[in-house]
Amino acid sequence: MKLIQSIIVQHGRSSLVRLIGVRNFSAAATPEQYDRRNYAINLAEYNTVFSSLTSQRKAFLLRDAYNDMLLDGIQPSRESFHSLIIGSMKGARLQDAFYFRDQMKAMGLVPDVALYNFLISLCGKCGNSEPAIRVRFHFYN
């Protein structure tokens, strides 16, 4: 609290606003604001968004886009999960890739051989062989 007070006293209110950013805390959003907050409105558009984020090397946003998809009530497909895991692989995001695999299983979609190969490749890319061995053991047994 003392830090915030010292910033206000030393630099004025405008510096504080620049530091923390201006936020809109209104509960109700207009349809235009809602459209700007969402990535897409249907499954095909979300799959395009996942591919676009991957090609732009913004794999850190894949999980956010996936959560937005779920909040919109759109059921991801096998293709969606493949795009998410490939994007995680290209971004070297091991934890996200396993999260998407677990989500896929929770939704009743059975991971295929290609998906497990992606996960094993990602483990190698990240230099973490222990999960790769577990993935290989789980798939072949």
Foldseek 3Di string as FASTA:
>chain_A
DVVLVVCCVPPNDVVVCVVVPDDDPDPDDDPVVVVVPAQDQAAVSLLVVLQVCLVVLNLVCLVVNVVSCVVNVYDHDPSSLVSNLVSCLSNLPLVSNVVSVVVCVVVPHDDDPVSLVSNLSSCVVNVHNVVNVVSVVVVVD
